[in-house]
Amino acid sequence: KSWVDHVARSGKTFSYGEGGPKGLVNGKKVYIVLASGGIYSEGAAVQMDHAIPYLRGVLGFLGMTDVDVIRIEGVGMGPDAVDAAIAKASAKVNAVVAGTAGKQVAAAA
């Protein structure tokens, strides 16, 4: 909550107009990295995932709608689950970095 309070600033990251609030942080790619003891991205626990919908809502209010989530899930389910979660998240981070580097090279050409 403190982070949201520091980032959501009227006149800086959003403004109020005749049509209501407007996000001022547009065209930004956002990566949310979230660790959890359980698995909330699938199955019955999806309904209990309050973090990602909340963050997407706040970021959307500020104008950031291109959001990708990197989850490190199930870390409370034992050492093997931790290793698997870290490997999965690391692979996604590596793919993001490789894709970003490729876009930077293409833009520089």
PDB file of N, CA and C in Angstrom:
ATOM      1  N   LYS A   1       0.821  -1.194   0.000  1.00  0.00           N
ATOM      2  CA  LYS A   1       0.000   0.000   0.000  1.00  0.00           C
ATOM      3  C   LYS A   1       0.858   1.249   0.000  1.00  0.00           C
ATOM      4  N   SER A   2       1.938   1.249   0.720  1.00  0.00           N
ATOM      5  CA  SER A   2       2.804   2.424   0.774  1.00  0.00           C
ATOM      6  C   SER A   2       3.356   2.749  -0.609  1.00  0.00           C
ATOM      7  N   TRP A   3       3.765   1.701  -1.358  1.00  0.00           N
ATOM      8  CA  TRP A   3       4.291   1.923  -2.703  1.00  0.00           C
ATOM      9  C   TRP A   3       3.239   2.599  -3.570  1.00  0.00           C
ATOM     10  N   VAL A   4       2.010   2.129  -3.506  1.00  0.00           N
ATOM     11  CA  VAL A   4       0.925   2.726  -4.295  1.00  0.00           C
ATOM     12  C   VAL A   4       0.747   4.186  -3.902  1.00  0.00           C
ATOM     13  N   ASP A   5       0.781   4.479  -2.616  1.00  0.00           N
ATOM     14  CA  ASP A   5       0.630   5.860  -2.155  1.00  0.00           C
ATOM     15  C   ASP A   5       1.746   6.758  -2.679  1.00  0.00           C
ATOM     16  N   HIS A   6       2.936   6.215  -2.806  1.00  0.00           N
ATOM     17  CA  HIS A   6       4.062   7.004  -3.313  1.00  0.00           C
ATOM     18  C   HIS A   6       4.011   7.187  -4.826  1.00  0.00           C
ATOM     19  N   VAL A   7       3.461   6.219  -5.528  1.00  0.00           N
ATOM     20  CA  VAL A   7       3.442   6.251  -6.993  1.00  0.00           C
ATOM     21  C   VAL A   7       2.201   6.955  -7.541  1.00  0.00           C
ATOM     22  N   ALA A   8       1.073   6.786  -6.912  1.00  0.00           N
ATOM     23  CA  ALA A   8      -0.174   7.405  -7.389  1.00  0.00           C
ATOM     24  C   ALA A   8      -0.231   8.853  -6.903  1.00  0.00           C
ATOM     25  N   ARG A   9       0.154   9.768  -7.779  1.00  0.00           N
ATOM     26  CA  ARG A   9       0.235  11.186  -7.425  1.00  0.00           C
ATOM     27  C   ARG A   9      -0.581  12.014  -8.404  1.00  0.00           C
ATOM     28  N   SER A  10      -1.586  12.677  -7.877  1.00  0.00           N
ATOM     29  CA  SER A  10      -2.419  13.539  -8.715  1.00  0.00           C
ATOM     30  C   SER A  10      -1.551  14.608  -9.370  1.00  0.00           C
ATOM     31  N   GLY A  11      -1.717  14.746 -10.679  1.00  0.00           N
ATOM     32  CA  GLY A  11      -0.937  15.719 -11.433  1.00  0.00           C
ATOM     33  C   GLY A  11       0.376  15.179 -11.948  1.00  0.00           C
ATOM     34  N   LYS A  12       0.811  14.048 -11.434  1.00  0.00           N
ATOM     35  CA  LYS A  12       2.069  13.432 -11.876  1.00  0.00           C
ATOM     36  C   LYS A  12       1.815  12.124 -12.617  1.00  0.00           C
ATOM     37  N   THR A  13       1.086  11.200 -11.985  1.00  0.00           N
ATOM     38  CA  THR A  13       0.830   9.902 -12.606  1.00  0.00           C
ATOM     39  C   THR A  13      -0.628   9.731 -13.012  1.00  0.00           C
ATOM     40  N   PHE A  14      -1.483  10.628 -12.557  1.00  0.00           N
ATOM     41  CA  PHE A  14      -2.875  10.666 -13.014  1.00  0.00           C
ATOM     42  C   PHE A  14      -3.397  12.079 -12.816  1.00  0.00           C
ATOM     43  N   SER A  15      -4.473  12.375 -13.522  1.00  0.00           N
ATOM     44  CA  SER A  15      -5.098  13.691 -13.360  1.00  0.00           C
ATOM     45  C   SER A  15      -6.605  13.529 -13.379  1.00  0.00           C
ATOM     46  N   TYR A  16      -7.287  14.555 -12.921  1.00  0.00           N
ATOM     47  CA  TYR A  16      -8.740  14.585 -12.960  1.00  0.00           C
ATOM     48  C   TYR A  16      -9.171  15.605 -13.999  1.00  0.00           C
ATOM     49  N   GLY A  17     -10.103  15.203 -14.848  1.00  0.00           N
ATOM     50  CA  GLY A  17     -10.656  16.110 -15.839  1.00  0.00           C
ATOM     51  C   GLY A  17     -12.165  16.002 -15.849  1.00  0.00           C
ATOM     52  N   GLU A  18     -12.763  16.628 -16.838  1.00  0.00           N
ATOM     53  CA  GLU A  18     -14.224  16.590 -16.947  1.00  0.00           C
ATOM     54  C   GLU A  18     -14.742  15.174 -17.121  1.00  0.00           C
ATOM     55  N   GLY A  19     -13.962  14.335 -17.797  1.00  0.00           N
ATOM     56  CA  GLY A  19     -14.369  12.954 -18.028  1.00  0.00           C
ATOM     57  C   GLY A  19     -13.994  12.012 -16.902  1.00  0.00           C
ATOM     58  N   GLY A  20     -13.460  12.544 -15.807  1.00  0.00           N
ATOM     59  CA  GLY A  20     -13.033  11.698 -14.699  1.00  0.00           C
ATOM     60  C   GLY A  20     -11.523  11.561 -14.667  1.00  0.00           C
ATOM     61  N   PRO A  21     -11.022  10.609 -13.901  1.00  0.00           N
ATOM     62  CA  PRO A  21      -9.575  10.451 -13.788  1.00  0.00           C
ATOM     63  C   PRO A  21      -8.959   9.920 -15.078  1.00  0.00           C
ATOM     64  N   LYS A  22      -7.713  10.329 -15.326  1.00  0.00           N
ATOM     65  CA  LYS A  22      -6.992   9.889 -16.516  1.00  0.00           C
ATOM     66  C   LYS A  22      -5.567   9.533 -16.108  1.00  0.00           C
ATOM     67  N   GLY A  23      -5.127   8.337 -16.496  1.00  0.00           N
ATOM     68  CA  GLY A  23      -3.756   7.923 -16.223  1.00  0.00           C
ATOM     69  C   GLY A  23      -2.784   8.701 -17.086  1.00  0.00           C
ATOM     70  N   LEU A  24      -1.667   9.091 -16.513  1.00  0.00           N
ATOM     71  CA  LEU A  24      -0.663   9.872 -17.229  1.00  0.00           C
ATOM     72  C   LEU A  24       0.592   9.073 -17.552  1.00  0.00           C
ATOM     73  N   VAL A  25       0.630   7.819 -17.143  1.00  0.00           N
ATOM     74  CA  VAL A  25       1.805   6.982 -17.392  1.00  0.00           C
ATOM     75  C   VAL A  25       1.424   5.980 -18.479  1.00  0.00           C
ATOM     76  N   ASN A  26       1.542   6.413 -19.714  1.00  0.00           N
ATOM     77  CA  ASN A  26       1.110   5.598 -20.849  1.00  0.00           C
ATOM     78  C   ASN A  26       2.312   5.056 -21.615  1.00  0.00           C
ATOM     79  N   GLY A  27       2.096   3.965 -22.328  1.00  0.00           N
ATOM     80  CA  GLY A  27       3.131   3.407 -23.188  1.00  0.00           C
ATOM     81  C   GLY A  27       4.265   2.728 -22.445  1.00  0.00           C
ATOM     82  N   LYS A  28       4.031   2.325 -21.235  1.00  0.00           N
ATOM     83  CA  LYS A  28       5.065   1.661 -20.437  1.00  0.00           C
ATOM     84  C   LYS A  28       4.741   0.184 -20.278  1.00  0.00           C
ATOM     85  N   LYS A  29       5.743  -0.646 -20.429  1.00  0.00           N
ATOM     86  CA  LYS A  29       5.611  -2.074 -20.167  1.00  0.00           C
ATOM     87  C   LYS A  29       5.896  -2.306 -18.690  1.00  0.00           C
ATOM     88  N   VAL A  30       5.042  -3.077 -18.030  1.00  0.00           N
ATOM     89  CA  VAL A  30       5.190  -3.345 -16.602  1.00  0.00           C
ATOM     90  C   VAL A  30       5.370  -4.844 -16.390  1.00  0.00           C
ATOM     91  N   TYR A  31       6.319  -5.187 -15.549  1.00  0.00           N
ATOM     92  CA  TYR A  31       6.521  -6.570 -15.134  1.00  0.00           C
ATOM     93  C   TYR A  31       6.287  -6.645 -13.635  1.00  0.00           C
ATOM     94  N   ILE A  32       5.354  -7.480 -13.239  1.00  0.00           N
ATOM     95  CA  ILE A  32       5.108  -7.733 -11.820  1.00  0.00           C
ATOM     96  C   ILE A  32       5.760  -9.072 -11.498  1.00  0.00           C
ATOM     97  N   VAL A  33       6.641  -9.086 -10.519  1.00  0.00           N
ATOM     98  CA  VAL A  33       7.253 -10.327 -10.050  1.00  0.00           C
ATOM     99  C   VAL A  33       6.672 -10.595  -8.669  1.00  0.00           C
ATOM    100  N   LEU A  34       5.997 -11.731  -8.544  1.00  0.00           N
ATOM    101  CA  LEU A  34       5.261 -12.034  -7.318  1.00  0.00           C
ATOM    102  C   LEU A  34       5.604 -13.435  -6.830  1.00  0.00           C
ATOM    103  N   ALA A  35       6.008 -13.531  -5.581  1.00  0.00           N
ATOM    104  CA  ALA A  35       6.259 -14.830  -4.959  1.00  0.00           C
ATOM    105  C   ALA A  35       5.115 -15.148  -4.003  1.00  0.00           C
ATOM    106  N   SER A  36       4.743 -16.420  -3.954  1.00  0.00           N
ATOM    107  CA  SER A  36       3.678 -16.840  -3.038  1.00  0.00           C
ATOM    108  C   SER A  36       3.926 -18.265  -2.569  1.00  0.00           C
ATOM    109  N   GLY A  37       3.469 -18.536  -1.373  1.00  0.00           N
ATOM    110  CA  GLY A  37       3.626 -19.870  -0.810  1.00  0.00           C
ATOM    111  C   GLY A  37       2.766 -20.906  -1.494  1.00  0.00           C
ATOM    112  N   GLY A  38       1.609 -20.483  -1.985  1.00  0.00           N
ATOM    113  CA  GLY A  38       0.700 -21.376  -2.696  1.00  0.00           C
ATOM    114  C   GLY A  38       0.696 -21.082  -4.184  1.00  0.00           C
ATOM    115  N   ILE A  39      -0.180 -21.764  -4.894  1.00  0.00           N
ATOM    116  CA  ILE A  39      -0.324 -21.553  -6.338  1.00  0.00           C
ATOM    117  C   ILE A  39      -1.678 -20.897  -6.569  1.00  0.00           C
ATOM    118  N   TYR A  40      -1.638 -19.659  -7.030  1.00  0.00           N
ATOM    119  CA  TYR A  40      -2.853 -18.868  -7.198  1.00  0.00           C
ATOM    120  C   TYR A  40      -3.162 -18.540  -8.655  1.00  0.00           C
ATOM    121  N   SER A  41      -2.366 -19.053  -9.576  1.00  0.00           N
ATOM    122  CA  SER A  41      -2.594 -18.739 -10.987  1.00  0.00           C
ATOM    123  C   SER A  41      -3.525 -19.731 -11.673  1.00  0.00           C
ATOM    124  N   GLU A  42      -3.826 -20.824 -11.007  1.00  0.00           N
ATOM    125  CA  GLU A  42      -4.699 -21.846 -11.603  1.00  0.00           C
ATOM    126  C   GLU A  42      -5.419 -22.610 -10.503  1.00  0.00           C
ATOM    127  N   GLY A  43      -6.422 -23.337 -10.899  1.00  0.00           N
ATOM    128  CA  GLY A  43      -7.162 -24.153  -9.947  1.00  0.00           C
ATOM    129  C   GLY A  43      -8.097 -23.335  -9.067  1.00  0.00           C
ATOM    130  N   ALA A  44      -8.532 -23.957  -7.993  1.00  0.00           N
ATOM    131  CA  ALA A  44      -9.520 -23.339  -7.104  1.00  0.00           C
ATOM    132  C   ALA A  44      -9.004 -22.076  -6.427  1.00  0.00           C
ATOM    133  N   ALA A  45      -7.696 -21.967  -6.236  1.00  0.00           N
ATOM    134  CA  ALA A  45      -7.133 -20.817  -5.520  1.00  0.00           C
ATOM    135  C   ALA A  45      -7.102 -19.537  -6.356  1.00  0.00           C
ATOM    136  N   VAL A  46      -7.413 -19.628  -7.641  1.00  0.00           N
ATOM    137  CA  VAL A  46      -7.433 -18.426  -8.490  1.00  0.00           C
ATOM    138  C   VAL A  46      -8.317 -17.348  -7.870  1.00  0.00           C
ATOM    139  N   GLN A  47      -9.421 -17.758  -7.298  1.00  0.00           N
ATOM    140  CA  GLN A  47     -10.358 -16.807  -6.690  1.00  0.00           C
ATOM    141  C   GLN A  47      -9.753 -16.082  -5.491  1.00  0.00           C
ATOM    142  N   MET A  48      -8.692 -16.628  -4.940  1.00  0.00           N
ATOM    143  CA  MET A  48      -8.073 -16.019  -3.761  1.00  0.00           C
ATOM    144  C   MET A  48      -6.890 -15.126  -4.118  1.00  0.00           C
ATOM    145  N   ASP A  49      -6.585 -15.010  -5.403  1.00  0.00           N
ATOM    146  CA  ASP A  49      -5.486 -14.142  -5.838  1.00  0.00           C
ATOM    147  C   ASP A  49      -5.980 -12.705  -5.860  1.00  0.00           C
ATOM    148  N   HIS A  50      -5.674 -11.979  -4.819  1.00  0.00           N
ATOM    149  CA  HIS A  50      -6.094 -10.583  -4.741  1.00  0.00           C
ATOM    150  C   HIS A  50      -4.986  -9.638  -5.181  1.00  0.00           C
ATOM    151  N   ALA A  51      -3.743 -10.076  -5.136  1.00  0.00           N
ATOM    152  CA  ALA A  51      -2.606  -9.198  -5.424  1.00  0.00           C
ATOM    153  C   ALA A  51      -2.578  -8.753  -6.882  1.00  0.00           C
ATOM    154  N   ILE A  52      -2.648  -9.691  -7.809  1.00  0.00           N
ATOM    155  CA  ILE A  52      -2.510  -9.335  -9.223  1.00  0.00           C
ATOM    156  C   ILE A  52      -3.692  -8.498  -9.711  1.00  0.00           C
ATOM    157  N   PRO A  53      -4.933  -8.866  -9.434  1.00  0.00           N
ATOM    158  CA  PRO A  53      -6.030  -7.990  -9.868  1.00  0.00           C
ATOM    159  C   PRO A  53      -5.926  -6.580  -9.279  1.00  0.00           C
ATOM    160  N   TYR A  54      -5.521  -6.486  -8.021  1.00  0.00           N
ATOM    161  CA  TYR A  54      -5.371  -5.175  -7.383  1.00  0.00           C
ATOM    162  C   TYR A  54      -4.292  -4.354  -8.090  1.00  0.00           C
ATOM    163  N   LEU A  55      -3.123  -4.971  -8.308  1.00  0.00           N
ATOM    164  CA  LEU A  55      -2.034  -4.244  -8.961  1.00  0.00           C
ATOM    165  C   LEU A  55      -2.386  -3.874 -10.396  1.00  0.00           C
ATOM    166  N   ARG A  56      -3.043  -4.775 -11.120  1.00  0.00           N
ATOM    167  CA  ARG A  56      -3.484  -4.431 -12.484  1.00  0.00           C
ATOM    168  C   ARG A  56      -4.447  -3.243 -12.459  1.00  0.00           C
ATOM    169  N   GLY A  57      -5.333  -3.217 -11.470  1.00  0.00           N
ATOM    170  CA  GLY A  57      -6.277  -2.112 -11.344  1.00  0.00           C
ATOM    171  C   GLY A  57      -5.582  -0.790 -11.077  1.00  0.00           C
ATOM    172  N   VAL A  58      -4.652  -0.791 -10.139  1.00  0.00           N
ATOM    173  CA  VAL A  58      -3.915   0.435  -9.815  1.00  0.00           C
ATOM    174  C   VAL A  58      -3.089   0.891 -11.010  1.00  0.00           C
ATOM    175  N   LEU A  59      -2.361  -0.032 -11.614  1.00  0.00           N
ATOM    176  CA  LEU A  59      -1.529   0.319 -12.765  1.00  0.00           C
ATOM    177  C   LEU A  59      -2.381   0.820 -13.922  1.00  0.00           C
ATOM    178  N   GLY A  60      -3.523   0.180 -14.158  1.00  0.00           N
ATOM    179  CA  GLY A  60      -4.437   0.624 -15.211  1.00  0.00           C
ATOM    180  C   GLY A  60      -4.962   2.022 -14.949  1.00  0.00           C
ATOM    181  N   PHE A  61      -5.276   2.326 -13.703  1.00  0.00           N
ATOM    182  CA  PHE A  61      -5.728   3.665 -13.321  1.00  0.00           C
ATOM    183  C   PHE A  61      -4.666   4.702 -13.665  1.00  0.00           C
ATOM    184  N   LEU A  62      -3.401   4.313 -13.542  1.00  0.00           N
ATOM    185  CA  LEU A  62      -2.300   5.227 -13.840  1.00  0.00           C
ATOM    186  C   LEU A  62      -1.963   5.265 -15.327  1.00  0.00           C
ATOM    187  N   GLY A  63      -2.596   4.394 -16.112  1.00  0.00           N
ATOM    188  CA  GLY A  63      -2.383   4.387 -17.554  1.00  0.00           C
ATOM    189  C   GLY A  63      -1.539   3.245 -18.071  1.00  0.00           C
ATOM    190  N   MET A  64      -1.076   2.376 -17.188  1.00  0.00           N
ATOM    191  CA  MET A  64      -0.220   1.260 -17.596  1.00  0.00           C
ATOM    192  C   MET A  64      -1.059  -0.003 -17.729  1.00  0.00           C
ATOM    193  N   THR A  65      -1.287  -0.413 -18.955  1.00  0.00           N
ATOM    194  CA  THR A  65      -2.145  -1.573 -19.205  1.00  0.00           C
ATOM    195  C   THR A  65      -1.390  -2.753 -19.810  1.00  0.00           C
ATOM    196  N   ASP A  66      -0.145  -2.545 -20.222  1.00  0.00           N
ATOM    197  CA  ASP A  66       0.669  -3.623 -20.784  1.00  0.00           C
ATOM    198  C   ASP A  66       1.440  -4.267 -19.631  1.00  0.00           C
ATOM    199  N   VAL A  67       0.793  -5.217 -18.965  1.00  0.00           N
ATOM    200  CA  VAL A  67       1.324  -5.807 -17.734  1.00  0.00           C
ATOM    201  C   VAL A  67       1.577  -7.296 -17.938  1.00  0.00           C
ATOM    202  N   ASP A  68       2.773  -7.732 -17.588  1.00  0.00           N
ATOM    203  CA  ASP A  68       3.120  -9.149 -17.638  1.00  0.00           C
ATOM    204  C   ASP A  68       3.466  -9.584 -16.214  1.00  0.00           C
ATOM    205  N   VAL A  69       3.030 -10.767 -15.845  1.00  0.00           N
ATOM    206  CA  VAL A  69       3.241 -11.264 -14.484  1.00  0.00           C
ATOM    207  C   VAL A  69       4.215 -12.433 -14.511  1.00  0.00           C
ATOM    208  N   ILE A  70       5.218 -12.342 -13.670  1.00  0.00           N
ATOM    209  CA  ILE A  70       6.168 -13.437 -13.477  1.00  0.00           C
ATOM    210  C   ILE A  70       5.949 -13.938 -12.055  1.00  0.00           C
ATOM    211  N   ARG A  71       5.469 -15.158 -11.955  1.00  0.00           N
ATOM    212  CA  ARG A  71       5.122 -15.716 -10.645  1.00  0.00           C
ATOM    213  C   ARG A  71       6.173 -16.724 -10.187  1.00  0.00           C
ATOM    214  N   ILE A  72       6.478 -16.654  -8.915  1.00  0.00           N
ATOM    215  CA  ILE A  72       7.299 -17.660  -8.253  1.00  0.00           C
ATOM    216  C   ILE A  72       6.356 -18.284  -7.225  1.00  0.00           C
ATOM    217  N   GLU A  73       5.666 -19.322  -7.656  1.00  0.00           N
ATOM    218  CA  GLU A  73       4.557 -19.882  -6.874  1.00  0.00           C
ATOM    219  C   GLU A  73       4.906 -21.203  -6.210  1.00  0.00           C
ATOM    220  N   GLY A  74       4.229 -21.452  -5.116  1.00  0.00           N
ATOM    221  CA  GLY A  74       4.343 -22.736  -4.445  1.00  0.00           C
ATOM    222  C   GLY A  74       5.584 -22.872  -3.587  1.00  0.00           C
ATOM    223  N   VAL A  75       6.178 -21.745  -3.201  1.00  0.00           N
ATOM    224  CA  VAL A  75       7.417 -21.821  -2.430  1.00  0.00           C
ATOM    225  C   VAL A  75       7.195 -22.351  -1.012  1.00  0.00           C
ATOM    226  N   GLY A  76       5.965 -22.468  -0.601  1.00  0.00           N
ATOM    227  CA  GLY A  76       5.657 -23.057   0.702  1.00  0.00           C
ATOM    228  C   GLY A  76       5.390 -24.549   0.623  1.00  0.00           C
ATOM    229  N   MET A  77       5.651 -25.142  -0.527  1.00  0.00           N
ATOM    230  CA  MET A  77       5.317 -26.548  -0.746  1.00  0.00           C
ATOM    231  C   MET A  77       6.545 -27.454  -0.778  1.00  0.00           C
ATOM    232  N   GLY A  78       7.638 -26.998  -0.212  1.00  0.00           N
ATOM    233  CA  GLY A  78       8.824 -27.838  -0.117  1.00  0.00           C
ATOM    234  C   GLY A  78       9.928 -27.432  -1.073  1.00  0.00           C
ATOM    235  N   PRO A  79      11.136 -27.963  -0.826  1.00  0.00           N
ATOM    236  CA  PRO A  79      12.318 -27.590  -1.603  1.00  0.00           C
ATOM    237  C   PRO A  79      12.200 -27.867  -3.104  1.00  0.00           C
ATOM    238  N   ASP A  80      11.594 -28.979  -3.477  1.00  0.00           N
ATOM    239  CA  ASP A  80      11.449 -29.285  -4.904  1.00  0.00           C
ATOM    240  C   ASP A  80      10.543 -28.267  -5.588  1.00  0.00           C
ATOM    241  N   ALA A  81       9.492 -27.866  -4.905  1.00  0.00           N
ATOM    242  CA  ALA A  81       8.576 -26.864  -5.458  1.00  0.00           C
ATOM    243  C   ALA A  81       9.274 -25.516  -5.595  1.00  0.00           C
ATOM    244  N   VAL A  82      10.120 -25.186  -4.621  1.00  0.00           N
ATOM    245  CA  VAL A  82      10.881 -23.933  -4.690  1.00  0.00           C
ATOM    246  C   VAL A  82      11.798 -23.955  -5.905  1.00  0.00           C
ATOM    247  N   ASP A  83      12.536 -25.040  -6.077  1.00  0.00           N
ATOM    248  CA  ASP A  83      13.445 -25.156  -7.221  1.00  0.00           C
ATOM    249  C   ASP A  83      12.690 -25.046  -8.539  1.00  0.00           C
ATOM    250  N   ALA A  84      11.553 -25.718  -8.631  1.00  0.00           N
ATOM    251  CA  ALA A  84      10.752 -25.675  -9.863  1.00  0.00           C
ATOM    252  C   ALA A  84      10.212 -24.269 -10.116  1.00  0.00           C
ATOM    253  N   ALA A  85       9.758 -23.604  -9.071  1.00  0.00           N
ATOM    254  CA  ALA A  85       9.210 -22.251  -9.222  1.00  0.00           C
ATOM    255  C   ALA A  85      10.283 -21.272  -9.667  1.00  0.00           C
ATOM    256  N   ILE A  86      11.463 -21.383  -9.076  1.00  0.00           N
ATOM    257  CA  ILE A  86      12.560 -20.491  -9.453  1.00  0.00           C
ATOM    258  C   ILE A  86      12.997 -20.761 -10.886  1.00  0.00           C
ATOM    259  N   ALA A  87      13.070 -22.021 -11.270  1.00  0.00           N
ATOM    260  CA  ALA A  87      13.458 -22.360 -12.644  1.00  0.00           C
ATOM    261  C   ALA A  87      12.452 -21.807 -13.648  1.00  0.00           C
ATOM    262  N   LYS A  88      11.176 -21.952 -13.347  1.00  0.00           N
ATOM    263  CA  LYS A  88      10.126 -21.461 -14.249  1.00  0.00           C
ATOM    264  C   LYS A  88      10.177 -19.937 -14.365  1.00  0.00           C
ATOM    265  N   ALA A  89      10.308 -19.263 -13.235  1.00  0.00           N
ATOM    266  CA  ALA A  89      10.366 -17.798 -13.249  1.00  0.00           C
ATOM    267  C   ALA A  89      11.638 -17.310 -13.933  1.00  0.00           C
ATOM    268  N   SER A  90      12.749 -17.984 -13.686  1.00  0.00           N
ATOM    269  CA  SER A  90      14.015 -17.602 -14.318  1.00  0.00           C
ATOM    270  C   SER A  90      13.938 -17.735 -15.830  1.00  0.00           C
ATOM    271  N   ALA A  91      13.298 -18.797 -16.297  1.00  0.00           N
ATOM    272  CA  ALA A  91      13.131 -18.980 -17.742  1.00  0.00           C
ATOM    273  C   ALA A  91      12.313 -17.838 -18.338  1.00  0.00           C
ATOM    274  N   LYS A  92      11.281 -17.409 -17.633  1.00  0.00           N
ATOM    275  CA  LYS A  92      10.459 -16.308 -18.134  1.00  0.00           C
ATOM    276  C   LYS A  92      11.247 -15.002 -18.131  1.00  0.00           C
ATOM    277  N   VAL A  93      12.007 -14.758 -17.069  1.00  0.00           N
ATOM    278  CA  VAL A  93      12.837 -13.550 -17.013  1.00  0.00           C
ATOM    279  C   VAL A  93      13.852 -13.563 -18.152  1.00  0.00           C
ATOM    280  N   ASN A  94      14.496 -14.694 -18.381  1.00  0.00           N
ATOM    281  CA  ASN A  94      15.470 -14.799 -19.470  1.00  0.00           C
ATOM    282  C   ASN A  94      14.820 -14.536 -20.820  1.00  0.00           C
ATOM    283  N   ALA A  95      13.610 -15.038 -21.021  1.00  0.00           N
ATOM    284  CA  ALA A  95      12.893 -14.797 -22.279  1.00  0.00           C
ATOM    285  C   ALA A  95      12.562 -13.317 -22.436  1.00  0.00           C
ATOM    286  N   VAL A  96      12.169 -12.673 -21.353  1.00  0.00           N
ATOM    287  CA  VAL A  96      11.864 -11.240 -21.399  1.00  0.00           C
ATOM    288  C   VAL A  96      13.124 -10.453 -21.742  1.00  0.00           C
ATOM    289  N   VAL A  97      14.227 -10.776 -21.072  1.00  0.00           N
ATOM    290  CA  VAL A  97      15.485 -10.070 -21.313  1.00  0.00           C
ATOM    291  C   VAL A  97      15.947 -10.285 -22.750  1.00  0.00           C
ATOM    292  N   ALA A  98      15.865 -11.506 -23.236  1.00  0.00           N
ATOM    293  CA  ALA A  98      16.271 -11.792 -24.614  1.00  0.00           C
ATOM    294  C   ALA A  98      15.397 -11.035 -25.602  1.00  0.00           C
ATOM    295  N   GLY A  99      14.101 -10.986 -25.355  1.00  0.00           N
ATOM    296  CA  GLY A  99      13.191 -10.253 -26.233  1.00  0.00           C
ATOM    297  C   GLY A  99      13.438  -8.765 -26.200  1.00  0.00           C
ATOM    298  N   THR A 100      13.718  -8.227 -25.026  1.00  0.00           N
ATOM    299  CA  THR A 100      13.995  -6.802 -24.884  1.00  0.00           C
ATOM    300  C   THR A 100      15.291  -6.445 -25.583  1.00  0.00           C
ATOM    301  N   ALA A 101      16.308  -7.285 -25.435  1.00  0.00           N
ATOM    302  CA  ALA A 101      17.586  -7.021 -26.090  1.00  0.00           C
ATOM    303  C   ALA A 101      17.421  -7.054 -27.599  1.00  0.00           C
ATOM    304  N   GLY A 102      16.616  -7.991 -28.101  1.00  0.00           N
ATOM    305  CA  GLY A 102      16.365  -8.072 -29.537  1.00  0.00           C
ATOM    306  C   GLY A 102      15.667  -6.836 -30.063  1.00  0.00           C
ATOM    307  N   LYS A 103      14.726  -6.305 -29.299  1.00  0.00           N
ATOM    308  CA  LYS A 103      14.012  -5.091 -29.709  1.00  0.00           C
ATOM    309  C   LYS A 103      14.943  -3.892 -29.718  1.00  0.00           C
ATOM    310  N   GLN A 104      15.870  -3.824 -28.748  1.00  0.00           N
ATOM    311  CA  GLN A 104      16.811  -2.713 -28.693  1.00  0.00           C
ATOM    312  C   GLN A 104      17.766  -2.754 -29.872  1.00  0.00           C
ATOM    313  N   VAL A 105      18.220  -3.943 -30.242  1.00  0.00           N
ATOM    314  CA  VAL A 105      19.113  -4.090 -31.390  1.00  0.00           C
ATOM    315  C   VAL A 105      18.387  -3.681 -32.664  1.00  0.00           C
ATOM    316  N   ALA A 106      17.138  -4.121 -32.821  1.00  0.00           N
ATOM    317  CA  ALA A 106      16.361  -3.774 -34.016  1.00  0.00           C
ATOM    318  C   ALA A 106      16.119  -2.273 -34.087  1.00  0.00           C
ATOM    319  N   ALA A 107      15.859  -1.645 -32.960  1.00  0.00           N
ATOM    320  CA  ALA A 107      15.605  -0.203 -32.941  1.00  0.00           C
ATOM    321  C   ALA A 107      16.866   0.582 -33.274  1.00  0.00           C
ATOM    322  N   ALA A 108      18.025   0.055 -32.887  1.00  0.00           N
ATOM    323  CA  ALA A 108      19.287   0.750 -33.141  1.00  0.00           C
ATOM    324  C   ALA A 108      19.735   0.605 -34.592  1.00  0.00           C
ATOM    325  N   ALA A 109      19.236  -0.412 -35.275  1.00  0.00           N
ATOM    326  CA  ALA A 109      19.673  -0.669 -36.663  1.00  0.00           C
ATOM    327  C   ALA A 109      19.071   0.316 -37.644  1.00  0.00           C
TER     328      ALA A 109
END
